[in-house]
Amino acid sequence: MSTSKSSIIIRNRHFFFIDILIFVLAAEFSFLLRLELSPFDPVLLLGVLSFVTISIPTRFVIFFFYKLYRQHWRTAGVNELITVTAACFSSGLITVAAIVALTLAWPNLRLLIPLSIPFIDALLVTLMITMLRFSLRTYHHYQRQTQDTTQSTERTLIIGAGHTGIQILDALQQRSSDFAVLGFLDDTPSKVGAYIRDVPVLGTLAELRAIATQKKISLIVIAIPSAPGTLIRRIASECQGLGIRYKIVPGLYELVS
């Protein structure tokens, strides 16, 4: 199997240090937007320093609570989007509460940190953190879309565009240099012609022979575990007749292990 020569690997420890930079930049931009001073104005710099002294520890506590540094961002989806948004907003709200409490205790602090600053900062941090995390998935998605499928990659067809089929797609896309999933087959009329994770549902099971030949498929994954044995055997027999290697779920994980 081939290996990717241009893959970017960013680990959670890298995100930790990048996040520090984001927190500082977001605070700086918040003060610039609110006060309209020079970026190097002593008042602005003192305000930024005072603010990040409060905000950065708060954000890291919340980020660790939400396990943001234990996620696999290369395959981030809706659940990860909800998690990162919740972490950013929660830490933002706690920072707002901390600033308000400190301002009540020391009214002069308002001269350094206007109350609008933590709100602006929360929006900027949420935007920047989310873009950073999901840029990794976007990059790998683009890499899969542009990879050469004519060399040593397995030209793969998944039979079954349900929950199991989508899980199989995710598993195979982890090995983007080894597998090129060209499409699904599914007998559900509403799915035919649709796209799932940017992979098309090319047709129904009755079109297996024609589609496999047209797409020059080298591997077929049968991802319909609830199907009767007679159907599985019929599909397997047709794959054998076509001379195409096939795998049947749940035995697929032998393929990607």
C-alpha atoms as a PDB file:
ATOM      1  CA  MET A   1       0.000   0.000   0.000  1.00  0.00           C
ATOM      2  CA  SER A   2       1.104   3.544  -0.682  1.00  0.00           C
ATOM      3  CA  THR A   3       1.665   6.138   1.970  1.00  0.00           C
ATOM      4  CA  SER A   4       0.824   9.809   1.868  1.00  0.00           C
ATOM      5  CA  LYS A   5       3.869  11.950   1.232  1.00  0.00           C
ATOM      6  CA  SER A   6       2.308  15.330   1.954  1.00  0.00           C
ATOM      7  CA  SER A   7       0.123  14.650   4.971  1.00  0.00           C
ATOM      8  CA  ILE A   8       0.063  17.322   7.671  1.00  0.00           C
ATOM      9  CA  ILE A   9       0.091  15.884  11.188  1.00  0.00           C
ATOM     10  CA  ILE A  10      -1.076  18.197  13.983  1.00  0.00           C
ATOM     11  CA  ARG A  11      -1.377  16.564  17.389  1.00  0.00           C
ATOM     12  CA  ASN A  12      -3.311  17.775  20.407  1.00  0.00           C
ATOM     13  CA  ARG A  13      -0.145  19.044  22.090  1.00  0.00           C
ATOM     14  CA  HIS A  14       0.344  21.305  19.056  1.00  0.00           C
ATOM     15  CA  PHE A  15      -3.212  22.592  19.432  1.00  0.00           C
ATOM     16  CA  PHE A  16      -2.425  23.452  23.055  1.00  0.00           C
ATOM     17  CA  PHE A  17       0.355  25.864  22.077  1.00  0.00           C
ATOM     18  CA  ILE A  18      -1.542  27.232  19.076  1.00  0.00           C
ATOM     19  CA  ASP A  19      -4.495  27.921  21.390  1.00  0.00           C
ATOM     20  CA  ILE A  20      -2.283  30.085  23.613  1.00  0.00           C
ATOM     21  CA  LEU A  21      -1.443  32.202  20.580  1.00  0.00           C
ATOM     22  CA  ILE A  22      -5.129  32.389  19.622  1.00  0.00           C
ATOM     23  CA  PHE A  23      -6.135  33.521  23.121  1.00  0.00           C
ATOM     24  CA  VAL A  24      -3.566  36.319  23.054  1.00  0.00           C
ATOM     25  CA  LEU A  25      -4.454  37.422  19.517  1.00  0.00           C
ATOM     26  CA  ALA A  26      -8.191  37.353  20.252  1.00  0.00           C
ATOM     27  CA  ALA A  27      -7.644  39.535  23.325  1.00  0.00           C
ATOM     28  CA  GLU A  28      -5.482  41.962  21.341  1.00  0.00           C
ATOM     29  CA  PHE A  29      -8.060  42.229  18.539  1.00  0.00           C
ATOM     30  CA  SER A  30     -10.866  42.691  21.089  1.00  0.00           C
ATOM     31  CA  PHE A  31      -9.098  45.684  22.640  1.00  0.00           C
ATOM     32  CA  LEU A  32      -8.253  47.116  19.213  1.00  0.00           C
ATOM     33  CA  LEU A  33     -11.901  46.883  18.123  1.00  0.00           C
ATOM     34  CA  ARG A  34     -13.192  48.381  21.367  1.00  0.00           C
ATOM     35  CA  LEU A  35     -10.641  51.107  22.101  1.00  0.00           C
ATOM     36  CA  GLU A  36      -9.358  51.945  18.598  1.00  0.00           C
ATOM     37  CA  LEU A  37      -5.871  52.558  19.944  1.00  0.00           C
ATOM     38  CA  SER A  38      -2.464  51.716  18.499  1.00  0.00           C
ATOM     39  CA  PRO A  39      -1.557  48.019  18.905  1.00  0.00           C
ATOM     40  CA  PHE A  40       1.462  49.124  20.931  1.00  0.00           C
ATOM     41  CA  ASP A  41      -0.298  51.677  23.130  1.00  0.00           C
ATOM     42  CA  PRO A  42       0.803  51.082  26.776  1.00  0.00           C
ATOM     43  CA  VAL A  43      -2.791  51.326  28.038  1.00  0.00           C
ATOM     44  CA  LEU A  44      -3.948  48.724  25.526  1.00  0.00           C
ATOM     45  CA  LEU A  45      -1.038  46.370  26.256  1.00  0.00           C
ATOM     46  CA  LEU A  46      -1.646  46.610  30.007  1.00  0.00           C
ATOM     47  CA  GLY A  47      -5.320  45.880  29.470  1.00  0.00           C
ATOM     48  CA  VAL A  48      -4.517  42.857  27.277  1.00  0.00           C
ATOM     49  CA  LEU A  49      -2.043  41.533  29.826  1.00  0.00           C
ATOM     50  CA  SER A  50      -4.560  41.946  32.656  1.00  0.00           C
ATOM     51  CA  PHE A  51      -7.288  40.252  30.620  1.00  0.00           C
ATOM     52  CA  VAL A  52      -5.297  37.216  29.441  1.00  0.00           C
ATOM     53  CA  THR A  53      -4.088  36.657  33.014  1.00  0.00           C
ATOM     54  CA  ILE A  54      -7.737  35.903  33.788  1.00  0.00           C
ATOM     55  CA  SER A  55      -8.978  34.415  30.528  1.00  0.00           C
ATOM     56  CA  ILE A  56      -6.227  31.955  29.587  1.00  0.00           C
ATOM     57  CA  PRO A  57      -6.285  29.851  32.805  1.00  0.00           C
ATOM     58  CA  THR A  58     -10.096  29.891  32.711  1.00  0.00           C
ATOM     59  CA  ARG A  59     -10.220  28.692  29.109  1.00  0.00           C
ATOM     60  CA  PHE A  60      -7.711  25.909  29.632  1.00  0.00           C
ATOM     61  CA  VAL A  61      -9.609  24.573  32.647  1.00  0.00           C
ATOM     62  CA  ILE A  62     -12.820  24.444  30.598  1.00  0.00           C
ATOM     63  CA  PHE A  63     -11.092  23.072  27.496  1.00  0.00           C
ATOM     64  CA  PHE A  64      -9.600  20.220  29.527  1.00  0.00           C
ATOM     65  CA  PHE A  65     -13.001  19.610  31.109  1.00  0.00           C
ATOM     66  CA  TYR A  66     -14.512  19.218  27.617  1.00  0.00           C
ATOM     67  CA  LYS A  67     -11.539  17.020  26.584  1.00  0.00           C
ATOM     68  CA  LEU A  68     -10.643  19.245  23.633  1.00  0.00           C
ATOM     69  CA  TYR A  69      -7.077  17.976  23.776  1.00  0.00           C
ATOM     70  CA  ARG A  70      -8.141  14.341  23.499  1.00  0.00           C
ATOM     71  CA  GLN A  71     -10.231  14.590  20.317  1.00  0.00           C
ATOM     72  CA  HIS A  72      -9.348  13.193  16.906  1.00  0.00           C
ATOM     73  CA  TRP A  73      -9.835  16.335  14.820  1.00  0.00           C
ATOM     74  CA  ARG A  74      -8.935  14.734  11.503  1.00  0.00           C
ATOM     75  CA  THR A  75     -12.362  13.062  11.508  1.00  0.00           C
ATOM     76  CA  ALA A  76     -14.255  15.766  13.423  1.00  0.00           C
ATOM     77  CA  GLY A  77     -17.992  15.876  12.857  1.00  0.00           C
ATOM     78  CA  VAL A  78     -21.152  17.325  14.372  1.00  0.00           C
ATOM     79  CA  ASN A  79     -20.429  16.024  17.885  1.00  0.00           C
ATOM     80  CA  GLU A  80     -16.989  17.632  17.885  1.00  0.00           C
ATOM     81  CA  LEU A  81     -18.478  20.898  16.567  1.00  0.00           C
ATOM     82  CA  ILE A  82     -20.972  20.936  19.449  1.00  0.00           C
ATOM     83  CA  THR A  83     -18.194  20.146  21.936  1.00  0.00           C
ATOM     84  CA  VAL A  84     -15.800  22.858  20.765  1.00  0.00           C
ATOM     85  CA  THR A  85     -18.594  25.459  20.579  1.00  0.00           C
ATOM     86  CA  ALA A  86     -19.810  24.568  24.067  1.00  0.00           C
ATOM     87  CA  ALA A  87     -16.264  24.761  25.443  1.00  0.00           C
ATOM     88  CA  CYS A  88     -15.645  28.173  23.892  1.00  0.00           C
ATOM     89  CA  PHE A  89     -18.942  29.671  25.028  1.00  0.00           C
ATOM     90  CA  SER A  90     -18.719  28.155  28.520  1.00  0.00           C
ATOM     91  CA  SER A  91     -15.213  29.487  29.051  1.00  0.00           C
ATOM     92  CA  GLY A  92     -16.322  32.827  27.620  1.00  0.00           C
ATOM     93  CA  LEU A  93     -19.255  33.095  30.027  1.00  0.00           C
ATOM     94  CA  ILE A  94     -17.072  32.189  33.005  1.00  0.00           C
ATOM     95  CA  THR A  95     -14.528  34.815  31.911  1.00  0.00           C
ATOM     96  CA  VAL A  96     -17.319  37.412  31.670  1.00  0.00           C
ATOM     97  CA  ALA A  97     -18.505  36.481  35.162  1.00  0.00           C
ATOM     98  CA  ALA A  98     -14.942  36.718  36.519  1.00  0.00           C
ATOM     99  CA  ILE A  99     -14.396  40.146  34.943  1.00  0.00           C
ATOM    100  CA  VAL A 100     -17.732  41.445  36.301  1.00  0.00           C
ATOM    101  CA  ALA A 101     -16.940  40.142  39.793  1.00  0.00           C
ATOM    102  CA  LEU A 102     -13.462  41.671  39.771  1.00  0.00           C
ATOM    103  CA  THR A 103     -14.843  44.966  38.470  1.00  0.00           C
ATOM    104  CA  LEU A 104     -17.333  45.094  41.346  1.00  0.00           C
ATOM    105  CA  ALA A 105     -14.490  44.468  43.792  1.00  0.00           C
ATOM    106  CA  TRP A 106     -12.065  46.880  42.085  1.00  0.00           C
ATOM    107  CA  PRO A 107     -14.016  49.488  40.076  1.00  0.00           C
ATOM    108  CA  ASN A 108     -10.814  50.920  38.567  1.00  0.00           C
ATOM    109  CA  LEU A 109     -10.354  47.646  36.676  1.00  0.00           C
ATOM    110  CA  ARG A 110     -13.076  48.859  34.278  1.00  0.00           C
ATOM    111  CA  LEU A 111     -10.623  51.471  33.038  1.00  0.00           C
ATOM    112  CA  LEU A 112      -8.285  48.673  31.923  1.00  0.00           C
ATOM    113  CA  ILE A 113     -10.872  46.072  30.830  1.00  0.00           C
ATOM    114  CA  PRO A 114     -14.183  47.470  29.529  1.00  0.00           C
ATOM    115  CA  LEU A 115     -17.059  45.037  30.118  1.00  0.00           C
ATOM    116  CA  SER A 116     -17.593  44.608  26.379  1.00  0.00           C
ATOM    117  CA  ILE A 117     -14.108  43.075  25.965  1.00  0.00           C
ATOM    118  CA  PRO A 118     -14.898  39.538  27.231  1.00  0.00           C
ATOM    119  CA  PHE A 119     -17.962  39.357  24.954  1.00  0.00           C
ATOM    120  CA  ILE A 120     -15.959  40.349  21.877  1.00  0.00           C
ATOM    121  CA  ASP A 121     -13.181  38.009  22.929  1.00  0.00           C
ATOM    122  CA  ALA A 122     -15.603  35.075  23.364  1.00  0.00           C
ATOM    123  CA  LEU A 123     -16.892  35.485  19.809  1.00  0.00           C
ATOM    124  CA  LEU A 124     -13.401  35.758  18.330  1.00  0.00           C
ATOM    125  CA  VAL A 125     -12.076  32.762  20.275  1.00  0.00           C
ATOM    126  CA  THR A 126     -15.049  30.607  19.247  1.00  0.00           C
ATOM    127  CA  LEU A 127     -14.561  31.507  15.597  1.00  0.00           C
ATOM    128  CA  MET A 128     -10.783  31.025  15.583  1.00  0.00           C
ATOM    129  CA  ILE A 129     -10.739  27.793  17.619  1.00  0.00           C
ATOM    130  CA  THR A 130     -13.474  26.228  15.485  1.00  0.00           C
ATOM    131  CA  MET A 131     -11.753  27.209  12.246  1.00  0.00           C
ATOM    132  CA  LEU A 132      -8.440  25.820  13.503  1.00  0.00           C
ATOM    133  CA  ARG A 133      -9.894  22.469  14.574  1.00  0.00           C
ATOM    134  CA  PHE A 134     -11.947  21.889  11.433  1.00  0.00           C
ATOM    135  CA  SER A 135      -9.268  23.114   9.033  1.00  0.00           C
ATOM    136  CA  LEU A 136      -7.492  19.806   9.685  1.00  0.00           C
ATOM    137  CA  ARG A 137     -10.505  17.796   8.544  1.00  0.00           C
ATOM    138  CA  THR A 138     -10.925  20.120   5.547  1.00  0.00           C
ATOM    139  CA  TYR A 139      -7.306  19.582   4.539  1.00  0.00           C
ATOM    140  CA  HIS A 140      -7.549  15.797   4.708  1.00  0.00           C
ATOM    141  CA  HIS A 141     -10.868  15.877   2.848  1.00  0.00           C
ATOM    142  CA  TYR A 142      -9.248  17.889   0.064  1.00  0.00           C
ATOM    143  CA  GLN A 143      -6.288  15.516   0.082  1.00  0.00           C
ATOM    144  CA  ARG A 144      -8.614  12.549  -0.412  1.00  0.00           C
ATOM    145  CA  GLN A 145     -10.479  14.296  -3.202  1.00  0.00           C
ATOM    146  CA  THR A 146      -7.292  15.055  -5.150  1.00  0.00           C
ATOM    147  CA  GLN A 147      -5.354  11.836  -4.547  1.00  0.00           C
ATOM    148  CA  ASP A 148      -4.395   9.655  -7.509  1.00  0.00           C
ATOM    149  CA  THR A 149      -6.755   6.655  -7.575  1.00  0.00           C
ATOM    150  CA  THR A 150      -5.022   5.022 -10.516  1.00  0.00           C
ATOM    151  CA  GLN A 151      -1.980   3.753  -8.630  1.00  0.00           C
ATOM    152  CA  SER A 152      -1.962   1.419  -5.629  1.00  0.00           C
ATOM    153  CA  THR A 153      -5.163   2.589  -3.914  1.00  0.00           C
ATOM    154  CA  GLU A 154      -8.056   0.146  -3.628  1.00  0.00           C
ATOM    155  CA  ARG A 155     -10.912   1.440  -5.793  1.00  0.00           C
ATOM    156  CA  THR A 156     -13.681   0.679  -3.317  1.00  0.00           C
ATOM    157  CA  LEU A 157     -17.454   0.343  -3.560  1.00  0.00           C
ATOM    158  CA  ILE A 158     -19.576   0.119  -0.399  1.00  0.00           C
ATOM    159  CA  ILE A 159     -22.845  -1.808  -0.577  1.00  0.00           C
ATOM    160  CA  GLY A 160     -25.233  -0.272   1.935  1.00  0.00           C
ATOM    161  CA  ALA A 161     -25.517   3.480   2.530  1.00  0.00           C
ATOM    162  CA  GLY A 162     -26.935   3.200   6.027  1.00  0.00           C
ATOM    163  CA  HIS A 163     -25.342   3.768   9.417  1.00  0.00           C
ATOM    164  CA  THR A 164     -22.946   0.850   9.020  1.00  0.00           C
ATOM    165  CA  GLY A 165     -21.915   1.949   5.539  1.00  0.00           C
ATOM    166  CA  ILE A 166     -21.113   5.437   6.807  1.00  0.00           C
ATOM    167  CA  GLN A 167     -19.011   3.980   9.626  1.00  0.00           C
ATOM    168  CA  ILE A 168     -17.129   1.925   7.073  1.00  0.00           C
ATOM    169  CA  LEU A 169     -16.581   5.026   4.944  1.00  0.00           C
ATOM    170  CA  ASP A 170     -15.118   6.845   7.947  1.00  0.00           C
ATOM    171  CA  ALA A 171     -12.860   3.887   8.747  1.00  0.00           C
ATOM    172  CA  LEU A 172     -11.567   3.620   5.182  1.00  0.00           C
ATOM    173  CA  GLN A 173     -11.017   7.363   4.883  1.00  0.00           C
ATOM    174  CA  GLN A 174      -8.674   7.127   7.863  1.00  0.00           C
ATOM    175  CA  ARG A 175      -6.419   5.271   5.443  1.00  0.00           C
ATOM    176  CA  SER A 176      -6.768   7.807   2.621  1.00  0.00           C
ATOM    177  CA  SER A 177      -3.598   6.618   0.869  1.00  0.00           C
ATOM    178  CA  ASP A 178      -4.821   3.002   0.768  1.00  0.00           C
ATOM    179  CA  PHE A 179      -8.488   3.264  -0.193  1.00  0.00           C
ATOM    180  CA  ALA A 180     -10.458   5.422  -2.599  1.00  0.00           C
ATOM    181  CA  VAL A 181     -14.180   5.031  -1.908  1.00  0.00           C
ATOM    182  CA  LEU A 182     -15.818   5.804  -5.237  1.00  0.00           C
ATOM    183  CA  GLY A 183     -19.423   5.310  -4.189  1.00  0.00           C
ATOM    184  CA  PHE A 184     -22.240   3.421  -2.469  1.00  0.00           C
ATOM    185  CA  LEU A 185     -24.920   1.075  -3.729  1.00  0.00           C
ATOM    186  CA  ASP A 186     -28.267   1.068  -1.917  1.00  0.00           C
ATOM    187  CA  ASP A 187     -31.791  -0.094  -2.752  1.00  0.00           C
ATOM    188  CA  THR A 188     -33.450   2.835  -0.948  1.00  0.00           C
ATOM    189  CA  PRO A 189     -34.877   5.004  -3.789  1.00  0.00           C
ATOM    190  CA  SER A 190     -34.427   8.289  -1.889  1.00  0.00           C
ATOM    191  CA  LYS A 191     -30.697   7.643  -1.447  1.00  0.00           C
ATOM    192  CA  VAL A 192     -29.871   6.872  -5.078  1.00  0.00           C
ATOM    193  CA  GLY A 193     -28.226   9.930  -6.612  1.00  0.00           C
ATOM    194  CA  ALA A 194     -27.611  11.528  -3.206  1.00  0.00           C
ATOM    195  CA  TYR A 195     -24.212  12.217  -1.633  1.00  0.00           C
ATOM    196  CA  ILE A 196     -23.092  10.945   1.768  1.00  0.00           C
ATOM    197  CA  ARG A 197     -19.973  12.658   3.107  1.00  0.00           C
ATOM    198  CA  ASP A 198     -19.360  13.818  -0.495  1.00  0.00           C
ATOM    199  CA  VAL A 199     -19.446  10.220  -1.754  1.00  0.00           C
ATOM    200  CA  PRO A 200     -22.234   9.467  -4.272  1.00  0.00           C
ATOM    201  CA  VAL A 201     -24.827   6.712  -4.034  1.00  0.00           C
ATOM    202  CA  LEU A 202     -24.296   5.437  -7.565  1.00  0.00           C
ATOM    203  CA  GLY A 203     -27.262   3.085  -7.897  1.00  0.00           C
ATOM    204  CA  THR A 204     -29.002  -0.028  -6.620  1.00  0.00           C
ATOM    205  CA  LEU A 205     -27.782  -3.581  -6.071  1.00  0.00           C
ATOM    206  CA  ALA A 206     -29.220  -4.571  -9.439  1.00  0.00           C
ATOM    207  CA  GLU A 207     -26.606  -2.294 -11.039  1.00  0.00           C
ATOM    208  CA  LEU A 208     -23.650  -3.850  -9.223  1.00  0.00           C
ATOM    209  CA  ARG A 209     -22.108  -5.517 -12.267  1.00  0.00           C
ATOM    210  CA  ALA A 210     -22.399  -2.453 -14.520  1.00  0.00           C
ATOM    211  CA  ILE A 211     -21.144   0.052 -11.930  1.00  0.00           C
ATOM    212  CA  ALA A 212     -18.274  -2.135 -10.721  1.00  0.00           C
ATOM    213  CA  THR A 213     -17.110  -2.602 -14.298  1.00  0.00           C
ATOM    214  CA  GLN A 214     -17.501   1.071 -15.226  1.00  0.00           C
ATOM    215  CA  LYS A 215     -15.659   2.316 -12.116  1.00  0.00           C
ATOM    216  CA  LYS A 216     -12.978  -0.418 -12.307  1.00  0.00           C
ATOM    217  CA  ILE A 217     -13.703  -1.425  -8.712  1.00  0.00           C
ATOM    218  CA  SER A 218     -11.075  -3.612  -7.025  1.00  0.00           C
ATOM    219  CA  LEU A 219     -12.748  -4.005  -3.619  1.00  0.00           C
ATOM    220  CA  ILE A 220     -16.400  -4.295  -2.591  1.00  0.00           C
ATOM    221  CA  VAL A 221     -17.441  -3.890   1.040  1.00  0.00           C
ATOM    222  CA  ILE A 222     -20.812  -5.434   1.924  1.00  0.00           C
ATOM    223  CA  ALA A 223     -22.046  -3.196   4.752  1.00  0.00           C
ATOM    224  CA  ILE A 224     -25.594  -4.466   5.337  1.00  0.00           C
ATOM    225  CA  PRO A 225     -25.280  -6.610   8.470  1.00  0.00           C
ATOM    226  CA  SER A 226     -29.067  -6.887   8.890  1.00  0.00           C
ATOM    227  CA  ALA A 227     -29.569  -8.363   5.408  1.00  0.00           C
ATOM    228  CA  PRO A 228     -30.623 -12.037   5.098  1.00  0.00           C
ATOM    229  CA  GLY A 229     -27.938 -14.581   4.383  1.00  0.00           C
ATOM    230  CA  THR A 230     -29.381 -15.342   0.958  1.00  0.00           C
ATOM    231  CA  LEU A 231     -28.809 -11.731  -0.167  1.00  0.00           C
ATOM    232  CA  ILE A 232     -25.252 -11.648   1.212  1.00  0.00           C
ATOM    233  CA  ARG A 233     -24.448 -14.912  -0.580  1.00  0.00           C
ATOM    234  CA  ARG A 234     -25.907 -13.592  -3.827  1.00  0.00           C
ATOM    235  CA  ILE A 235     -23.792 -10.428  -3.642  1.00  0.00           C
ATOM    236  CA  ALA A 236     -20.682 -12.440  -2.729  1.00  0.00           C
ATOM    237  CA  SER A 237     -21.324 -14.789  -5.666  1.00  0.00           C
ATOM    238  CA  GLU A 238     -21.642 -11.849  -8.040  1.00  0.00           C
ATOM    239  CA  CYS A 239     -18.366 -10.375  -6.732  1.00  0.00           C
ATOM    240  CA  GLN A 240     -16.662 -13.708  -7.352  1.00  0.00           C
ATOM    241  CA  GLY A 241     -18.087 -13.791 -10.842  1.00  0.00           C
ATOM    242  CA  LEU A 242     -16.640 -10.352 -11.504  1.00  0.00           C
ATOM    243  CA  GLY A 243     -13.276 -11.360 -10.061  1.00  0.00           C
ATOM    244  CA  ILE A 244     -13.475  -8.573  -7.456  1.00  0.00           C
ATOM    245  CA  ARG A 245     -12.242  -8.982  -3.909  1.00  0.00           C
ATOM    246  CA  TYR A 246     -14.941  -8.433  -1.284  1.00  0.00           C
ATOM    247  CA  LYS A 247     -15.284  -8.025   2.465  1.00  0.00           C
ATOM    248  CA  ILE A 248     -18.378  -8.597   4.587  1.00  0.00           C
ATOM    249  CA  VAL A 249     -19.099  -6.529   7.706  1.00  0.00           C
ATOM    250  CA  PRO A 250     -18.365  -7.097  10.594  1.00  0.00           C
ATOM    251  CA  GLY A 251     -15.150  -8.725   9.354  1.00  0.00           C
ATOM    252  CA  LEU A 252     -14.097  -5.478   7.677  1.00  0.00           C
ATOM    253  CA  TYR A 253     -11.895  -4.320  10.556  1.00  0.00           C
ATOM    254  CA  GLU A 254      -9.429  -7.025   9.597  1.00  0.00           C
ATOM    255  CA  LEU A 255      -8.972  -4.907   6.458  1.00  0.00           C
ATOM    256  CA  VAL A 256      -8.010  -1.678   8.240  1.00  0.00           C
ATOM    257  CA  SER A 257      -6.114  -3.124  11.194  1.00  0.00           C
END
